[in-house]
């Protein structure tokens, strides 16, 4: 890494982390998960779609508690 580039790189990584956090905790994602849950309810309780929705919702709820 060139001299002095570490500060710029750290700011870039912080910006990306903020963008990822904002998108992964957005109300739009919650609405999409709700729609996916309604669709997956027709599957069995342990079917892959139901498990994926449940785990994604668990991660979303955890991320919402961490600023």
Protein backbone atom coordinates (compact mmCIF):
# COMPACT_ATOMS: atom_id res chain seq x y z
CA UNK A 1 0.00 0.00 0.00
CA UNK A 2 1.44 3.43 -0.87
CA UNK A 3 2.52 5.68 1.98
CA UNK A 4 -0.43 7.59 3.45
CA UNK A 5 -2.99 5.36 1.76
CA UNK A 6 -4.05 3.59 4.95
CA UNK A 7 -6.14 6.53 6.14
CA UNK A 8 -8.00 6.80 2.84
CA UNK A 9 -8.50 3.05 2.75
CA UNK A 10 -9.89 3.03 6.29
CA UNK A 11 -12.37 5.80 5.41
CA UNK A 12 -13.47 3.84 2.34
CA UNK A 13 -14.00 0.69 4.40
CA UNK A 14 -15.95 2.65 7.03
CA UNK A 15 -18.20 4.10 4.32
CA UNK A 16 -18.84 0.66 2.83
CA UNK A 17 -19.58 -0.81 6.26
CA UNK A 18 -22.10 1.97 6.88
CA UNK A 19 -23.80 1.41 3.54
CA UNK A 20 -24.03 -2.34 4.12
CA UNK A 21 -25.47 -1.79 7.60
CA UNK A 22 -28.06 0.71 6.34
CA UNK A 23 -29.22 -1.61 3.56
CA UNK A 24 -29.23 -4.71 5.74
CA UNK A 25 -31.44 -3.01 8.33
CA UNK A 26 -33.75 -1.13 5.98
CA UNK A 27 -37.54 -1.21 6.25
CA UNK A 28 -37.59 -2.45 2.64
CA UNK A 29 -35.72 -5.59 3.68
CA UNK A 30 -38.25 -6.12 6.47
CA UNK A 31 -41.12 -5.85 3.97
CA UNK A 32 -39.40 -8.31 1.63
CA UNK A 33 -38.84 -10.75 4.49
CA UNK A 34 -42.51 -10.48 5.46
CA UNK A 35 -43.53 -11.28 1.89
CA UNK A 36 -41.07 -14.18 1.77
CA UNK A 37 -42.42 -15.47 5.09
CA UNK A 38 -45.98 -15.40 3.78
CA UNK A 39 -44.90 -17.31 0.69
CA UNK A 40 -42.76 -19.80 2.65
CA UNK A 41 -45.53 -20.57 5.14
CA UNK A 42 -46.93 -23.05 2.63
CA UNK A 43 -43.71 -25.07 3.01
CA UNK A 44 -42.86 -27.30 5.94
CA UNK A 45 -41.46 -25.73 9.10
CA UNK A 46 -37.94 -27.02 8.43
CA UNK A 47 -37.91 -26.49 4.67
CA UNK A 48 -34.93 -24.53 3.31
CA UNK A 49 -37.00 -21.44 2.35
CA UNK A 50 -38.53 -21.20 5.83
CA UNK A 51 -35.17 -21.69 7.52
CA UNK A 52 -33.56 -19.04 5.28
CA UNK A 53 -36.25 -16.49 6.07
CA UNK A 54 -36.06 -17.25 9.79
CA UNK A 55 -32.27 -16.93 9.90
CA UNK A 56 -32.26 -13.76 7.79
CA UNK A 57 -34.84 -12.22 10.12
CA UNK A 58 -32.73 -13.22 13.14
CA UNK A 59 -29.67 -11.51 11.63
CA UNK A 60 -31.76 -8.44 10.75
CA UNK A 61 -33.11 -8.11 14.30
CA UNK A 62 -29.62 -8.43 15.74
CA UNK A 63 -28.20 -5.81 13.37
CA UNK A 64 -31.02 -3.41 14.24
CA UNK A 65 -29.98 -3.54 17.90
CA UNK A 66 -26.37 -2.64 17.02
CA UNK A 67 -25.99 0.94 15.72
